[in-house]
Amino acid sequence: MTTLMLKDVDVSPRKGRAHARGIGVTMLCAFSITPLGIGDSVGAAVADAVRIVRESGLANETNAMFTNVEGEWDDVMRVVKQCVDAIGAQAPRVSLVMKIDVRPGADDMMHTKVASVERQAR
């Protein structure tokens, strides 16, 4: 498996747009984290991860399936790693699913993306 780092990728190739190199890049990250090997009840461990996200100071929302976090690449990845480390301290194995939208210059994507779809769904 090849790992590709954002700092090595030009994520905005269209002419006239700023080129992202991992610094100052706004991203929206939806992630789901699950401790494995601790039994059927994982709510307390997941709540610890949610608490880490909420205390991070980054914009965030938690729903039934994912926690969304918005911010700079390094800040978001640091929070996700803290969550993995916290869950890993309680479980022998950690499952992590992430979906990331990297959009240089965007702000408040958690709300503006939903608002755009809602407008168009009318």
PDB file of N, CA and C in Angstrom:
ATOM      1  N   MET A   1       0.841  -1.173   0.000  1.00  0.00           N
ATOM      2  CA  MET A   1       0.000   0.000   0.000  1.00  0.00           C
ATOM      3  C   MET A   1       0.888   1.237   0.000  1.00  0.00           C
ATOM      4  N   THR A   2       0.546   2.208  -0.819  1.00  0.00           N
ATOM      5  CA  THR A   2       1.284   3.459  -0.892  1.00  0.00           C
ATOM      6  C   THR A   2       0.559   4.526  -0.100  1.00  0.00           C
ATOM      7  N   THR A   3       1.279   5.249   0.731  1.00  0.00           N
ATOM      8  CA  THR A   3       0.705   6.343   1.491  1.00  0.00           C
ATOM      9  C   THR A   3       1.076   7.644   0.802  1.00  0.00           C
ATOM     10  N   LEU A   4       0.090   8.461   0.513  1.00  0.00           N
ATOM     11  CA  LEU A   4       0.298   9.732  -0.160  1.00  0.00           C
ATOM     12  C   LEU A   4       0.003  10.849   0.827  1.00  0.00           C
ATOM     13  N   MET A   5       0.971  11.686   1.064  1.00  0.00           N
ATOM     14  CA  MET A   5       0.811  12.789   1.998  1.00  0.00           C
ATOM     15  C   MET A   5       0.277  14.009   1.263  1.00  0.00           C
ATOM     16  N   LEU A   6      -0.648  14.748   1.880  1.00  0.00           N
ATOM     17  CA  LEU A   6      -1.240  15.930   1.267  1.00  0.00           C
ATOM     18  C   LEU A   6      -0.179  16.947   0.879  1.00  0.00           C
ATOM     19  N   LYS A   7       0.855  17.098   1.667  1.00  0.00           N
ATOM     20  CA  LYS A   7       1.865  18.105   1.378  1.00  0.00           C
ATOM     21  C   LYS A   7       2.560  17.839   0.050  1.00  0.00           C
ATOM     22  N   ASP A   8       2.467  16.607  -0.472  1.00  0.00           N
ATOM     23  CA  ASP A   8       3.093  16.256  -1.732  1.00  0.00           C
ATOM     24  C   ASP A   8       2.151  16.375  -2.918  1.00  0.00           C
ATOM     25  N   VAL A   9       0.919  16.775  -2.681  1.00  0.00           N
ATOM     26  CA  VAL A   9      -0.083  16.774  -3.726  1.00  0.00           C
ATOM     27  C   VAL A   9      -0.627  18.168  -3.968  1.00  0.00           C
ATOM     28  N   ASP A  10      -0.751  18.524  -5.216  1.00  0.00           N
ATOM     29  CA  ASP A  10      -1.397  19.771  -5.598  1.00  0.00           C
ATOM     30  C   ASP A  10      -2.888  19.465  -5.670  1.00  0.00           C
ATOM     31  N   VAL A  11      -3.652  19.853  -4.651  1.00  0.00           N
ATOM     32  CA  VAL A  11      -5.065  19.481  -4.572  1.00  0.00           C
ATOM     33  C   VAL A  11      -5.992  20.433  -5.310  1.00  0.00           C
ATOM     34  N   SER A  12      -5.461  21.481  -5.883  1.00  0.00           N
ATOM     35  CA  SER A  12      -6.304  22.432  -6.610  1.00  0.00           C
ATOM     36  C   SER A  12      -5.654  22.788  -7.948  1.00  0.00           C
ATOM     37  N   PRO A  13      -5.718  21.879  -8.915  1.00  0.00           N
ATOM     38  CA  PRO A  13      -4.991  22.066 -10.154  1.00  0.00           C
ATOM     39  C   PRO A  13      -5.580  23.101 -11.105  1.00  0.00           C
ATOM     40  N   ARG A  14      -6.812  23.564 -10.871  1.00  0.00           N
ATOM     41  CA  ARG A  14      -7.406  24.529 -11.793  1.00  0.00           C
ATOM     42  C   ARG A  14      -6.640  25.836 -11.789  1.00  0.00           C
ATOM     43  N   LYS A  15      -6.454  26.371 -12.980  1.00  0.00           N
ATOM     44  CA  LYS A  15      -5.697  27.617 -13.135  1.00  0.00           C
ATOM     45  C   LYS A  15      -6.340  28.732 -12.310  1.00  0.00           C
ATOM     46  N   GLY A  16      -5.501  29.490 -11.629  1.00  0.00           N
ATOM     47  CA  GLY A  16      -5.991  30.632 -10.876  1.00  0.00           C
ATOM     48  C   GLY A  16      -6.299  30.326  -9.416  1.00  0.00           C
ATOM     49  N   ARG A  17      -6.242  29.066  -9.015  1.00  0.00           N
ATOM     50  CA  ARG A  17      -6.495  28.725  -7.614  1.00  0.00           C
ATOM     51  C   ARG A  17      -5.184  28.496  -6.896  1.00  0.00           C
ATOM     52  N   ALA A  18      -5.200  28.778  -5.622  1.00  0.00           N
ATOM     53  CA  ALA A  18      -3.999  28.574  -4.815  1.00  0.00           C
ATOM     54  C   ALA A  18      -3.674  27.086  -4.746  1.00  0.00           C
ATOM     55  N   HIS A  19      -2.406  26.773  -4.695  1.00  0.00           N
ATOM     56  CA  HIS A  19      -1.972  25.387  -4.604  1.00  0.00           C
ATOM     57  C   HIS A  19      -1.726  25.041  -3.137  1.00  0.00           C
ATOM     58  N   ALA A  20      -2.373  23.973  -2.677  1.00  0.00           N
ATOM     59  CA  ALA A  20      -2.233  23.551  -1.281  1.00  0.00           C
ATOM     60  C   ALA A  20      -0.997  22.685  -1.130  1.00  0.00           C
ATOM     61  N   ARG A  21      -0.266  22.903  -0.093  1.00  0.00           N
ATOM     62  CA  ARG A  21       0.911  22.097   0.214  1.00  0.00           C
ATOM     63  C   ARG A  21       0.885  21.623   1.658  1.00  0.00           C
ATOM     64  N   GLY A  22      -0.314  21.457   2.221  1.00  0.00           N
ATOM     65  CA  GLY A  22      -0.416  20.933   3.572  1.00  0.00           C
ATOM     66  C   GLY A  22      -0.441  21.998   4.649  1.00  0.00           C
ATOM     67  N   ILE A  23      -0.238  23.244   4.291  1.00  0.00           N
ATOM     68  CA  ILE A  23      -0.240  24.332   5.266  1.00  0.00           C
ATOM     69  C   ILE A  23      -1.422  25.240   4.942  1.00  0.00           C
ATOM     70  N   GLY A  24      -2.265  25.514   5.918  1.00  0.00           N
ATOM     71  CA  GLY A  24      -3.393  26.395   5.694  1.00  0.00           C
ATOM     72  C   GLY A  24      -4.499  25.760   4.869  1.00  0.00           C
ATOM     73  N   VAL A  25      -4.538  24.449   4.819  1.00  0.00           N
ATOM     74  CA  VAL A  25      -5.539  23.750   4.031  1.00  0.00           C
ATOM     75  C   VAL A  25      -6.731  23.422   4.919  1.00  0.00           C
ATOM     76  N   THR A  26      -7.890  23.926   4.525  1.00  0.00           N
ATOM     77  CA  THR A  26      -9.102  23.620   5.273  1.00  0.00           C
ATOM     78  C   THR A  26      -9.637  22.280   4.807  1.00  0.00           C
ATOM     79  N   MET A  27     -10.043  21.478   5.764  1.00  0.00           N
ATOM     80  CA  MET A  27     -10.597  20.172   5.428  1.00  0.00           C
ATOM     81  C   MET A  27     -11.770  19.844   6.332  1.00  0.00           C
ATOM     82  N   LEU A  28     -12.633  19.008   5.816  1.00  0.00           N
ATOM     83  CA  LEU A  28     -13.739  18.453   6.588  1.00  0.00           C
ATOM     84  C   LEU A  28     -13.483  16.960   6.666  1.00  0.00           C
ATOM     85  N   CYS A  29     -13.432  16.442   7.859  1.00  0.00           N
ATOM     86  CA  CYS A  29     -13.144  15.028   8.080  1.00  0.00           C
ATOM     87  C   CYS A  29     -14.312  14.389   8.817  1.00  0.00           C
ATOM     88  N   ALA A  30     -14.895  13.365   8.205  1.00  0.00           N
ATOM     89  CA  ALA A  30     -15.912  12.556   8.874  1.00  0.00           C
ATOM     90  C   ALA A  30     -15.218  11.264   9.292  1.00  0.00           C
ATOM     91  N   PHE A  31     -15.271  10.944  10.572  1.00  0.00           N
ATOM     92  CA  PHE A  31     -14.633   9.698  10.985  1.00  0.00           C
ATOM     93  C   PHE A  31     -15.478   8.943  11.992  1.00  0.00           C
ATOM     94  N   SER A  32     -15.307   7.641  11.932  1.00  0.00           N
ATOM     95  CA  SER A  32     -15.974   6.725  12.851  1.00  0.00           C
ATOM     96  C   SER A  32     -14.884   5.864  13.473  1.00  0.00           C
ATOM     97  N   ILE A  33     -14.890   5.774  14.767  1.00  0.00           N
ATOM     98  CA  ILE A  33     -13.856   5.009  15.468  1.00  0.00           C
ATOM     99  C   ILE A  33     -14.537   3.979  16.359  1.00  0.00           C
ATOM    100  N   THR A  34     -14.032   2.747  16.301  1.00  0.00           N
ATOM    101  CA  THR A  34     -14.649   1.662  17.060  1.00  0.00           C
ATOM    102  C   THR A  34     -13.576   0.844  17.766  1.00  0.00           C
ATOM    103  N   PRO A  35     -13.703   0.687  19.077  1.00  0.00           N
ATOM    104  CA  PRO A  35     -12.784  -0.209  19.775  1.00  0.00           C
ATOM    105  C   PRO A  35     -13.204  -1.655  19.496  1.00  0.00           C
ATOM    106  N   LEU A  36     -12.249  -2.500  19.228  1.00  0.00           N
ATOM    107  CA  LEU A  36     -12.526  -3.915  18.985  1.00  0.00           C
ATOM    108  C   LEU A  36     -11.916  -4.752  20.097  1.00  0.00           C
ATOM    109  N   GLY A  37     -12.623  -5.804  20.470  1.00  0.00           N
ATOM    110  CA  GLY A  37     -12.093  -6.722  21.470  1.00  0.00           C
ATOM    111  C   GLY A  37     -12.415  -6.353  22.900  1.00  0.00           C
ATOM    112  N   ILE A  38     -13.403  -5.451  23.095  1.00  0.00           N
ATOM    113  CA  ILE A  38     -13.767  -5.092  24.476  1.00  0.00           C
ATOM    114  C   ILE A  38     -15.210  -5.472  24.805  1.00  0.00           C
ATOM    115  N   GLY A  39     -15.829  -6.262  23.950  1.00  0.00           N
ATOM    116  CA  GLY A  39     -17.202  -6.683  24.193  1.00  0.00           C
ATOM    117  C   GLY A  39     -18.188  -5.904  23.346  1.00  0.00           C
ATOM    118  N   ASP A  40     -19.469  -6.120  23.637  1.00  0.00           N
ATOM    119  CA  ASP A  40     -20.536  -5.516  22.841  1.00  0.00           C
ATOM    120  C   ASP A  40     -20.761  -4.042  23.140  1.00  0.00           C
ATOM    121  N   SER A  41     -20.480  -3.613  24.353  1.00  0.00           N
ATOM    122  CA  SER A  41     -20.745  -2.229  24.740  1.00  0.00           C
ATOM    123  C   SER A  41     -19.494  -1.379  24.532  1.00  0.00           C
ATOM    124  N   VAL A  42     -19.552  -0.503  23.522  1.00  0.00           N
ATOM    125  CA  VAL A  42     -18.393   0.336  23.210  1.00  0.00           C
ATOM    126  C   VAL A  42     -18.683   1.815  23.452  1.00  0.00           C
ATOM    127  N   GLY A  43     -19.874   2.119  23.941  1.00  0.00           N
ATOM    128  CA  GLY A  43     -20.304   3.504  24.104  1.00  0.00           C
ATOM    129  C   GLY A  43     -19.393   4.350  24.968  1.00  0.00           C
ATOM    130  N   ALA A  44     -18.906   3.827  26.065  1.00  0.00           N
ATOM    131  CA  ALA A  44     -18.051   4.614  26.962  1.00  0.00           C
ATOM    132  C   ALA A  44     -16.737   4.985  26.286  1.00  0.00           C
ATOM    133  N   ALA A  45     -16.152   4.041  25.560  1.00  0.00           N
ATOM    134  CA  ALA A  45     -14.893   4.314  24.867  1.00  0.00           C
ATOM    135  C   ALA A  45     -15.110   5.337  23.741  1.00  0.00           C
ATOM    136  N   VAL A  46     -16.197   5.176  22.986  1.00  0.00           N
ATOM    137  CA  VAL A  46     -16.496   6.122  21.912  1.00  0.00           C
ATOM    138  C   VAL A  46     -16.758   7.511  22.496  1.00  0.00           C
ATOM    139  N   ALA A  47     -17.434   7.567  23.628  1.00  0.00           N
ATOM    140  CA  ALA A  47     -17.694   8.856  24.288  1.00  0.00           C
ATOM    141  C   ALA A  47     -16.384   9.550  24.662  1.00  0.00           C
ATOM    142  N   ASP A  48     -15.370   8.780  25.033  1.00  0.00           N
ATOM    143  CA  ASP A  48     -14.059   9.382  25.324  1.00  0.00           C
ATOM    144  C   ASP A  48     -13.486  10.056  24.080  1.00  0.00           C
ATOM    145  N   ALA A  49     -13.636   9.411  22.935  1.00  0.00           N
ATOM    146  CA  ALA A  49     -13.145   9.999  21.682  1.00  0.00           C
ATOM    147  C   ALA A  49     -13.932  11.263  21.331  1.00  0.00           C
ATOM    148  N   VAL A  50     -15.237  11.222  21.490  1.00  0.00           N
ATOM    149  CA  VAL A  50     -16.075  12.391  21.210  1.00  0.00           C
ATOM    150  C   VAL A  50     -15.682  13.547  22.125  1.00  0.00           C
ATOM    151  N   ARG A  51     -15.399  13.248  23.368  1.00  0.00           N
ATOM    152  CA  ARG A  51     -14.975  14.282  24.321  1.00  0.00           C
ATOM    153  C   ARG A  51     -13.674  14.942  23.856  1.00  0.00           C
ATOM    154  N   ILE A  52     -12.740  14.153  23.344  1.00  0.00           N
ATOM    155  CA  ILE A  52     -11.475  14.696  22.835  1.00  0.00           C
ATOM    156  C   ILE A  52     -11.747  15.661  21.689  1.00  0.00           C
ATOM    157  N   VAL A  53     -12.638  15.274  20.781  1.00  0.00           N
ATOM    158  CA  VAL A  53     -12.979  16.136  19.644  1.00  0.00           C
ATOM    159  C   VAL A  53     -13.605  17.434  20.145  1.00  0.00           C
ATOM    160  N   ARG A  54     -14.551  17.322  21.057  1.00  0.00           N
ATOM    161  CA  ARG A  54     -15.248  18.518  21.550  1.00  0.00           C
ATOM    162  C   ARG A  54     -14.311  19.462  22.285  1.00  0.00           C
ATOM    163  N   GLU A  55     -13.329  18.923  22.981  1.00  0.00           N
ATOM    164  CA  GLU A  55     -12.380  19.751  23.723  1.00  0.00           C
ATOM    165  C   GLU A  55     -11.261  20.309  22.844  1.00  0.00           C
ATOM    166  N   SER A  56     -11.225  19.899  21.586  1.00  0.00           N
ATOM    167  CA  SER A  56     -10.144  20.317  20.684  1.00  0.00           C
ATOM    168  C   SER A  56     -10.229  21.779  20.263  1.00  0.00           C
ATOM    169  N   GLY A  57     -11.432  22.345  20.332  1.00  0.00           N
ATOM    170  CA  GLY A  57     -11.618  23.713  19.857  1.00  0.00           C
ATOM    171  C   GLY A  57     -11.930  23.795  18.372  1.00  0.00           C
ATOM    172  N   LEU A  58     -11.880  22.669  17.671  1.00  0.00           N
ATOM    173  CA  LEU A  58     -12.218  22.648  16.247  1.00  0.00           C
ATOM    174  C   LEU A  58     -13.730  22.542  16.083  1.00  0.00           C
ATOM    175  N   ALA A  59     -14.245  23.064  14.981  1.00  0.00           N
ATOM    176  CA  ALA A  59     -15.663  22.920  14.674  1.00  0.00           C
ATOM    177  C   ALA A  59     -15.963  21.430  14.527  1.00  0.00           C
ATOM    178  N   ASN A  60     -17.052  20.966  15.139  1.00  0.00           N
ATOM    179  CA  ASN A  60     -17.364  19.540  15.074  1.00  0.00           C
ATOM    180  C   ASN A  60     -18.843  19.278  15.283  1.00  0.00           C
ATOM    181  N   GLU A  61     -19.268  18.141  14.824  1.00  0.00           N
ATOM    182  CA  GLU A  61     -20.627  17.629  15.041  1.00  0.00           C
ATOM    183  C   GLU A  61     -20.542  16.115  15.138  1.00  0.00           C
ATOM    184  N   THR A  62     -21.365  15.543  15.960  1.00  0.00           N
ATOM    185  CA  THR A  62     -21.443  14.091  16.061  1.00  0.00           C
ATOM    186  C   THR A  62     -22.859  13.669  15.725  1.00  0.00           C
ATOM    187  N   ASN A  63     -22.975  12.646  14.873  1.00  0.00           N
ATOM    188  CA  ASN A  63     -24.291  12.094  14.563  1.00  0.00           C
ATOM    189  C   ASN A  63     -24.265  10.592  14.848  1.00  0.00           C
ATOM    190  N   ALA A  64     -25.272   9.877  14.433  1.00  0.00           N
ATOM    191  CA  ALA A  64     -25.383   8.459  14.765  1.00  0.00           C
ATOM    192  C   ALA A  64     -24.274   7.598  14.161  1.00  0.00           C
ATOM    193  N   MET A  65     -23.649   8.065  13.088  1.00  0.00           N
ATOM    194  CA  MET A  65     -22.670   7.241  12.388  1.00  0.00           C
ATOM    195  C   MET A  65     -21.244   7.785  12.403  1.00  0.00           C
ATOM    196  N   PHE A  66     -21.091   9.113  12.419  1.00  0.00           N
ATOM    197  CA  PHE A  66     -19.772   9.721  12.280  1.00  0.00           C
ATOM    198  C   PHE A  66     -19.641  10.946  13.171  1.00  0.00           C
ATOM    199  N   THR A  67     -18.406  11.339  13.387  1.00  0.00           N
ATOM    200  CA  THR A  67     -18.101  12.639  13.970  1.00  0.00           C
ATOM    201  C   THR A  67     -17.418  13.439  12.874  1.00  0.00           C
ATOM    202  N   ASN A  68     -17.911  14.637  12.624  1.00  0.00           N
ATOM    203  CA  ASN A  68     -17.344  15.536  11.631  1.00  0.00           C
ATOM    204  C   ASN A  68     -16.480  16.566  12.339  1.00  0.00           C
ATOM    205  N   VAL A  69     -15.292  16.801  11.798  1.00  0.00           N
ATOM    206  CA  VAL A  69     -14.369  17.782  12.356  1.00  0.00           C
ATOM    207  C   VAL A  69     -13.848  18.629  11.203  1.00  0.00           C
ATOM    208  N   GLU A  70     -13.834  19.948  11.403  1.00  0.00           N
ATOM    209  CA  GLU A  70     -13.362  20.849  10.360  1.00  0.00           C
ATOM    210  C   GLU A  70     -12.218  21.699  10.882  1.00  0.00           C
ATOM    211  N   GLY A  71     -11.193  21.859  10.060  1.00  0.00           N
ATOM    212  CA  GLY A  71     -10.067  22.694  10.443  1.00  0.00           C
ATOM    213  C   GLY A  71      -8.891  22.503   9.519  1.00  0.00           C
ATOM    214  N   GLU A  72      -7.735  22.946   9.974  1.00  0.00           N
ATOM    215  CA  GLU A  72      -6.500  22.778   9.221  1.00  0.00           C
ATOM    216  C   GLU A  72      -6.088  21.305   9.259  1.00  0.00           C
ATOM    217  N   TRP A  73      -5.447  20.843   8.194  1.00  0.00           N
ATOM    218  CA  TRP A  73      -5.049  19.439   8.057  1.00  0.00           C
ATOM    219  C   TRP A  73      -4.354  18.913   9.320  1.00  0.00           C
ATOM    220  N   ASP A  74      -3.277  19.571   9.745  1.00  0.00           N
ATOM    221  CA  ASP A  74      -2.501  19.079  10.888  1.00  0.00           C
ATOM    222  C   ASP A  74      -3.323  19.058  12.170  1.00  0.00           C
ATOM    223  N   ASP A  75      -4.167  20.052  12.362  1.00  0.00           N
ATOM    224  CA  ASP A  75      -4.994  20.111  13.573  1.00  0.00           C
ATOM    225  C   ASP A  75      -6.005  18.966  13.605  1.00  0.00           C
ATOM    226  N   VAL A  76      -6.653  18.716  12.477  1.00  0.00           N
ATOM    227  CA  VAL A  76      -7.649  17.638  12.420  1.00  0.00           C
ATOM    228  C   VAL A  76      -6.973  16.278  12.604  1.00  0.00           C
ATOM    229  N   MET A  77      -5.855  16.077  11.918  1.00  0.00           N
ATOM    230  CA  MET A  77      -5.158  14.784  12.035  1.00  0.00           C
ATOM    231  C   MET A  77      -4.642  14.560  13.460  1.00  0.00           C
ATOM    232  N   ARG A  78      -4.234  15.627  14.120  1.00  0.00           N
ATOM    233  CA  ARG A  78      -3.773  15.510  15.509  1.00  0.00           C
ATOM    234  C   ARG A  78      -4.921  15.032  16.405  1.00  0.00           C
ATOM    235  N   VAL A  79      -6.116  15.588  16.202  1.00  0.00           N
ATOM    236  CA  VAL A  79      -7.284  15.190  17.003  1.00  0.00           C
ATOM    237  C   VAL A  79      -7.667  13.738  16.716  1.00  0.00           C
ATOM    238  N   VAL A  80      -7.662  13.351  15.456  1.00  0.00           N
ATOM    239  CA  VAL A  80      -7.990  11.959  15.111  1.00  0.00           C
ATOM    240  C   VAL A  80      -6.985  11.013  15.762  1.00  0.00           C
ATOM    241  N   LYS A  81      -5.710  11.357  15.715  1.00  0.00           N
ATOM    242  CA  LYS A  81      -4.692  10.515  16.358  1.00  0.00           C
ATOM    243  C   LYS A  81      -4.904  10.430  17.867  1.00  0.00           C
ATOM    244  N   GLN A  82      -5.254  11.548  18.498  1.00  0.00           N
ATOM    245  CA  GLN A  82      -5.529  11.514  19.938  1.00  0.00           C
ATOM    246  C   GLN A  82      -6.689  10.569  20.244  1.00  0.00           C
ATOM    247  N   CYS A  83      -7.698  10.571  19.380  1.00  0.00           N
ATOM    248  CA  CYS A  83      -8.835   9.665  19.563  1.00  0.00           C
ATOM    249  C   CYS A  83      -8.404   8.213  19.411  1.00  0.00           C
ATOM    250  N   VAL A  84      -7.615   7.926  18.395  1.00  0.00           N
ATOM    251  CA  VAL A  84      -7.115   6.557  18.192  1.00  0.00           C
ATOM    252  C   VAL A  84      -6.284   6.126  19.399  1.00  0.00           C
ATOM    253  N   ASP A  85      -5.427   7.000  19.877  1.00  0.00           N
ATOM    254  CA  ASP A  85      -4.599   6.665  21.043  1.00  0.00           C
ATOM    255  C   ASP A  85      -5.455   6.398  22.277  1.00  0.00           C
ATOM    256  N   ALA A  86      -6.489   7.203  22.488  1.00  0.00           N
ATOM    257  CA  ALA A  86      -7.369   7.021  23.651  1.00  0.00           C
ATOM    258  C   ALA A  86      -8.128   5.708  23.567  1.00  0.00           C
ATOM    259  N   ILE A  87      -8.653   5.396  22.387  1.00  0.00           N
ATOM    260  CA  ILE A  87      -9.370   4.129  22.212  1.00  0.00           C
ATOM    261  C   ILE A  87      -8.389   2.964  22.329  1.00  0.00           C
ATOM    262  N   GLY A  88      -7.206   3.125  21.757  1.00  0.00           N
ATOM    263  CA  GLY A  88      -6.193   2.076  21.823  1.00  0.00           C
ATOM    264  C   GLY A  88      -5.733   1.768  23.230  1.00  0.00           C
ATOM    265  N   ALA A  89      -5.848   2.716  24.128  1.00  0.00           N
ATOM    266  CA  ALA A  89      -5.493   2.478  25.533  1.00  0.00           C
ATOM    267  C   ALA A  89      -6.543   1.612  26.225  1.00  0.00           C
ATOM    268  N   GLN A  90      -7.730   1.513  25.607  1.00  0.00           N
ATOM    269  CA  GLN A  90      -8.823   0.745  26.217  1.00  0.00           C
ATOM    270  C   GLN A  90      -9.126  -0.559  25.484  1.00  0.00           C
ATOM    271  N   ALA A  91      -8.594  -0.701  24.281  1.00  0.00           N
ATOM    272  CA  ALA A  91      -8.937  -1.865  23.458  1.00  0.00           C
ATOM    273  C   ALA A  91      -7.685  -2.394  22.759  1.00  0.00           C
ATOM    274  N   PRO A  92      -7.653  -3.695  22.503  1.00  0.00           N
ATOM    275  CA  PRO A  92      -6.482  -4.260  21.829  1.00  0.00           C
ATOM    276  C   PRO A  92      -6.415  -3.928  20.340  1.00  0.00           C
ATOM    277  N   ARG A  93      -7.520  -3.423  19.801  1.00  0.00           N
ATOM    278  CA  ARG A  93      -7.580  -3.117  18.370  1.00  0.00           C
ATOM    279  C   ARG A  93      -8.533  -1.951  18.149  1.00  0.00           C
ATOM    280  N   VAL A  94      -8.220  -1.107  17.159  1.00  0.00           N
ATOM    281  CA  VAL A  94      -9.049   0.063  16.863  1.00  0.00           C
ATOM    282  C   VAL A  94      -9.387   0.064  15.379  1.00  0.00           C
ATOM    283  N   SER A  95     -10.673   0.232  15.070  1.00  0.00           N
ATOM    284  CA  SER A  95     -11.117   0.380  13.685  1.00  0.00           C
ATOM    285  C   SER A  95     -11.429   1.849  13.445  1.00  0.00           C
ATOM    286  N   LEU A  96     -10.886   2.390  12.353  1.00  0.00           N
ATOM    287  CA  LEU A  96     -11.072   3.801  12.025  1.00  0.00           C
ATOM    288  C   LEU A  96     -11.489   3.919  10.559  1.00  0.00           C
ATOM    289  N   VAL A  97     -12.612   4.602  10.324  1.00  0.00           N
ATOM    290  CA  VAL A  97     -13.083   4.894   8.972  1.00  0.00           C
ATOM    291  C   VAL A  97     -13.098   6.407   8.836  1.00  0.00           C
ATOM    292  N   MET A  98     -12.460   6.909   7.757  1.00  0.00           N
ATOM    293  CA  MET A  98     -12.408   8.363   7.552  1.00  0.00           C
ATOM    294  C   MET A  98     -12.782   8.708   6.115  1.00  0.00           C
ATOM    295  N   LYS A  99     -13.472   9.827   5.985  1.00  0.00           N
ATOM    296  CA  LYS A  99     -13.729  10.420   4.677  1.00  0.00           C
ATOM    297  C   LYS A  99     -13.354  11.882   4.815  1.00  0.00           C
ATOM    298  N   ILE A 100     -12.532  12.384   3.875  1.00  0.00           N
ATOM    299  CA  ILE A 100     -11.994  13.730   3.984  1.00  0.00           C
ATOM    300  C   ILE A 100     -12.301  14.528   2.722  1.00  0.00           C
ATOM    301  N   ASP A 101     -12.760  15.756   2.925  1.00  0.00           N
ATOM    302  CA  ASP A 101     -12.972  16.698   1.833  1.00  0.00           C
ATOM    303  C   ASP A 101     -11.976  17.836   2.029  1.00  0.00           C
ATOM    304  N   VAL A 102     -10.985  17.923   1.144  1.00  0.00           N
ATOM    305  CA  VAL A 102      -9.978  18.971   1.214  1.00  0.00           C
ATOM    306  C   VAL A 102     -10.401  20.056   0.228  1.00  0.00           C
ATOM    307  N   ARG A 103     -10.610  21.249   0.764  1.00  0.00           N
ATOM    308  CA  ARG A 103     -11.085  22.344  -0.083  1.00  0.00           C
ATOM    309  C   ARG A 103     -10.432  23.644   0.364  1.00  0.00           C
ATOM    310  N   PRO A 104      -9.299  23.976  -0.252  1.00  0.00           N
ATOM    311  CA  PRO A 104      -8.589  25.207   0.131  1.00  0.00           C
ATOM    312  C   PRO A 104      -9.494  26.432   0.050  1.00  0.00           C
ATOM    313  N   GLY A 105      -9.446  27.242   1.089  1.00  0.00           N
ATOM    314  CA  GLY A 105     -10.208  28.486   1.120  1.00  0.00           C
ATOM    315  C   GLY A 105     -11.640  28.346   1.587  1.00  0.00           C
ATOM    316  N   ALA A 106     -12.123  27.142   1.747  1.00  0.00           N
ATOM    317  CA  ALA A 106     -13.506  26.941   2.184  1.00  0.00           C
ATOM    318  C   ALA A 106     -13.597  27.151   3.690  1.00  0.00           C
ATOM    319  N   ASP A 107     -14.792  27.490   4.135  1.00  0.00           N
ATOM    320  CA  ASP A 107     -15.025  27.724   5.556  1.00  0.00           C
ATOM    321  C   ASP A 107     -16.413  27.220   5.911  1.00  0.00           C
ATOM    322  N   ASP A 108     -16.564  26.675   7.086  1.00  0.00           N
ATOM    323  CA  ASP A 108     -17.854  26.201   7.593  1.00  0.00           C
ATOM    324  C   ASP A 108     -18.511  25.206   6.642  1.00  0.00           C
ATOM    325  N   MET A 109     -17.707  24.266   6.134  1.00  0.00           N
ATOM    326  CA  MET A 109     -18.222  23.272   5.192  1.00  0.00           C
ATOM    327  C   MET A 109     -19.304  22.389   5.796  1.00  0.00           C
ATOM    328  N   MET A 110     -19.256  22.154   7.099  1.00  0.00           N
ATOM    329  CA  MET A 110     -20.277  21.311   7.728  1.00  0.00           C
ATOM    330  C   MET A 110     -21.668  21.864   7.492  1.00  0.00           C
ATOM    331  N   HIS A 111     -21.780  23.171   7.456  1.00  0.00           N
ATOM    332  CA  HIS A 111     -23.093  23.789   7.300  1.00  0.00           C
ATOM    333  C   HIS A 111     -23.372  24.239   5.875  1.00  0.00           C
ATOM    334  N   THR A 112     -22.369  24.794   5.192  1.00  0.00           N
ATOM    335  CA  THR A 112     -22.616  25.317   3.849  1.00  0.00           C
ATOM    336  C   THR A 112     -22.908  24.203   2.848  1.00  0.00           C
ATOM    337  N   LYS A 113     -22.282  23.043   2.995  1.00  0.00           N
ATOM    338  CA  LYS A 113     -22.552  21.933   2.079  1.00  0.00           C
ATOM    339  C   LYS A 113     -23.991  21.436   2.252  1.00  0.00           C
ATOM    340  N   VAL A 114     -24.434  21.322   3.480  1.00  0.00           N
ATOM    341  CA  VAL A 114     -25.815  20.878   3.744  1.00  0.00           C
ATOM    342  C   VAL A 114     -26.808  21.912   3.248  1.00  0.00           C
ATOM    343  N   ALA A 115     -26.525  23.189   3.515  1.00  0.00           N
ATOM    344  CA  ALA A 115     -27.427  24.257   3.068  1.00  0.00           C
ATOM    345  C   ALA A 115     -27.564  24.261   1.552  1.00  0.00           C
ATOM    346  N   SER A 116     -26.483  24.026   0.830  1.00  0.00           N
ATOM    347  CA  SER A 116     -26.521  23.983  -0.622  1.00  0.00           C
ATOM    348  C   SER A 116     -27.417  22.850  -1.132  1.00  0.00           C
ATOM    349  N   VAL A 117     -27.279  21.693  -0.532  1.00  0.00           N
ATOM    350  CA  VAL A 117     -28.111  20.549  -0.934  1.00  0.00           C
ATOM    351  C   VAL A 117     -29.565  20.807  -0.590  1.00  0.00           C
ATOM    352  N   GLU A 118     -29.827  21.361   0.576  1.00  0.00           N
ATOM    353  CA  GLU A 118     -31.203  21.654   0.982  1.00  0.00           C
ATOM    354  C   GLU A 118     -31.856  22.648   0.022  1.00  0.00           C
ATOM    355  N   ARG A 119     -31.127  23.686  -0.383  1.00  0.00           N
ATOM    356  CA  ARG A 119     -31.660  24.651  -1.349  1.00  0.00           C
ATOM    357  C   ARG A 119     -32.031  23.963  -2.653  1.00  0.00           C
ATOM    358  N   GLN A 120     -31.187  23.088  -3.108  1.00  0.00           N
ATOM    359  CA  GLN A 120     -31.413  22.419  -4.386  1.00  0.00           C
ATOM    360  C   GLN A 120     -32.463  21.324  -4.302  1.00  0.00           C
ATOM    361  N   ALA A 121     -32.743  20.837  -3.104  1.00  0.00           N
ATOM    362  CA  ALA A 121     -33.728  19.763  -2.938  1.00  0.00           C
ATOM    363  C   ALA A 121     -35.154  20.287  -2.906  1.00  0.00           C
ATOM    364  N   ARG A 122     -35.328  21.581  -2.833  1.00  0.00           N
ATOM    365  CA  ARG A 122     -36.671  22.165  -2.761  1.00  0.00           C
ATOM    366  C   ARG A 122     -37.361  22.167  -4.093  1.00  0.00           C
TER     367      ARG A 122
END
